Amino acid sequence: MRSPLHFHLHNSLPHSTNNIQIYASAVALSTAINASELNEGLLYPHIDRIREVSIVVAREVIRQSQKQGLDRVLKLRDMTDEDLDKYIREKMYDPCRPEEAGGSRDAVDEGGVKAKL
């Protein structure tokens, strides 16, 4: 499974990635841990929640890129967090989807720039 930062890089097509975005991913990961996991003494969420947590991390990195004006997929700016999560979920690699087997998708920004996913 690709990392949330990898997802962000290919789906919001930022001009660059910087330490602030990496910090945003770390903060999102640290806040994704739930009460049950904290009670178990875990530092990170359970691996069985990786897809759910990855969506949150990707969203927060995308939002940080937007704040910095580094994003190029402008339609994502107007999405609510709920809609952006849905968008990320639909674009995220899922080995259970038949179209994912052996194929690749392209992310295209408004300027027509393509990036292989």
Protein backbone atom coordinates (compact mmCIF):
# COMPACT_ATOMS: atom_id res chain seq x y z
CA MET A 1 0.00 0.00 0.00
CA ARG A 2 1.29 3.41 -0.88
CA SER A 3 1.86 5.91 1.90
CA PRO A 4 -0.48 8.86 2.48
CA LEU A 5 2.34 11.20 1.52
CA HIS A 6 2.77 9.27 -1.74
CA PHE A 7 -0.97 9.56 -2.34
CA HIS A 8 -0.83 13.29 -1.73
CA LEU A 9 2.09 13.75 -4.10
CA HIS A 10 0.27 12.07 -6.96
CA ASN A 11 -3.26 13.27 -6.35
CA SER A 12 -2.89 16.91 -5.43
CA LEU A 13 0.25 17.33 -7.52
CA PRO A 14 2.01 19.87 -5.31
CA HIS A 15 4.81 21.99 -6.71
CA SER A 16 7.08 20.58 -4.03
CA THR A 17 7.07 18.75 -0.72
CA ASN A 18 8.60 20.37 2.32
CA ASN A 19 9.17 19.81 6.01
CA ILE A 20 5.89 21.53 6.94
CA GLN A 21 3.94 18.95 4.93
CA ILE A 22 5.93 16.11 6.46
CA TYR A 23 5.21 17.59 9.89
CA ALA A 24 1.50 17.76 8.99
CA SER A 25 1.58 14.04 8.18
CA ALA A 26 3.20 13.27 11.55
CA VAL A 27 0.63 15.35 13.44
CA ALA A 28 -2.24 13.69 11.55
CA LEU A 29 -0.83 10.25 12.34
CA SER A 30 -0.40 11.06 16.01
CA THR A 31 -3.95 12.37 16.32
CA ALA A 32 -5.44 9.39 14.47
CA ILE A 33 -4.85 7.12 17.45
CA ASN A 34 -8.09 6.35 19.28
CA ALA A 35 -8.84 5.95 22.99
CA SER A 36 -8.67 2.16 22.87
CA GLU A 37 -5.24 2.25 21.28
CA LEU A 38 -4.05 4.82 23.83
CA ASN A 39 -5.31 2.58 26.66
CA GLU A 40 -3.24 -0.24 25.19
CA GLY A 41 -0.19 2.02 25.39
CA LEU A 42 0.25 2.20 21.63
CA LEU A 43 2.09 5.07 19.97
CA TYR A 44 0.52 4.46 16.57
CA PRO A 45 -2.88 3.20 15.40
CA HIS A 46 -3.42 -0.52 14.84
CA ILE A 47 -2.29 -1.78 11.44
CA ASP A 48 -5.82 -3.00 10.71
CA ARG A 49 -6.86 0.68 10.55
CA ILE A 50 -4.14 1.63 8.07
CA ARG A 51 -6.54 2.55 5.26
CA GLU A 52 -8.70 4.73 7.54
CA VAL A 53 -5.66 6.43 9.06
CA SER A 54 -4.01 6.89 5.65
CA ILE A 55 -7.05 8.83 4.44
CA VAL A 56 -6.80 11.21 7.40
CA VAL A 57 -3.05 11.70 6.90
CA ALA A 58 -3.43 12.27 3.15
CA ARG A 59 -6.21 14.81 3.76
CA GLU A 60 -4.16 16.78 6.26
CA VAL A 61 -1.10 16.87 3.99
CA ILE A 62 -3.30 18.03 1.10
CA ARG A 63 -4.82 20.73 3.32
CA GLN A 64 -1.35 21.89 4.38
CA SER A 65 -0.29 22.13 0.73
CA GLN A 66 -3.38 24.20 0.05
CA LYS A 67 -2.54 26.57 2.91
CA GLN A 68 0.92 27.01 1.45
CA GLY A 69 -0.41 27.50 -2.08
CA LEU A 70 1.56 24.50 -3.33
CA ASP A 71 -1.37 22.43 -4.57
CA ARG A 72 -2.33 22.32 -8.24
CA VAL A 73 -5.63 20.41 -8.19
CA LEU A 74 -7.75 23.39 -7.33
CA LYS A 75 -11.07 21.54 -7.20
CA LEU A 76 -9.90 19.88 -3.97
CA ARG A 77 -9.82 23.27 -2.23
CA ASP A 78 -13.59 23.60 -2.29
CA MET A 79 -14.27 20.11 -0.95
CA THR A 80 -15.37 19.58 2.63
CA ASP A 81 -13.17 17.23 4.64
CA GLU A 82 -15.87 14.56 4.25
CA ASP A 83 -15.89 14.96 0.45
CA LEU A 84 -12.11 15.03 0.30
CA ASP A 85 -11.97 11.82 2.36
CA LYS A 86 -14.37 10.22 -0.12
CA TYR A 87 -12.22 11.42 -3.04
CA ILE A 88 -9.08 10.02 -1.40
CA ARG A 89 -10.82 6.69 -0.66
CA GLU A 90 -11.91 6.40 -4.31
CA LYS A 91 -8.41 7.18 -5.60
CA MET A 92 -6.57 5.04 -3.06
CA TYR A 93 -5.15 1.75 -4.24
CA ASP A 94 -7.39 -1.12 -3.24
CA PRO A 95 -6.20 -4.64 -4.09
CA CYS A 96 -9.81 -5.86 -3.79
CA ARG A 97 -10.93 -3.82 -6.81
CA PRO A 98 -10.59 -5.75 -10.08
CA GLU A 99 -9.38 -2.69 -12.00
CA GLU A 100 -6.39 -2.41 -9.66
CA ALA A 101 -4.93 -5.73 -10.77
CA GLY A 102 -2.03 -4.92 -13.03
CA GLY A 103 -3.29 -1.54 -14.22
CA SER A 104 -2.37 1.98 -13.30
CA ARG A 105 -4.35 5.18 -13.13
CA ASP A 106 -3.27 8.70 -13.91
CA ALA A 107 -3.81 11.78 -11.82
CA VAL A 108 -4.19 14.89 -13.95
CA ASP A 109 -4.08 18.46 -12.71
CA GLU A 110 -5.96 21.37 -14.25
CA GLY A 111 -2.94 22.15 -16.46
CA GLY A 112 -3.04 18.69 -18.00
CA VAL A 113 0.05 17.41 -16.16
CA LYS A 114 -0.15 13.64 -15.62
CA ALA A 115 1.35 11.60 -12.83
CA LYS A 116 1.21 7.82 -12.71
CA LEU A 117 -0.40 6.43 -9.58
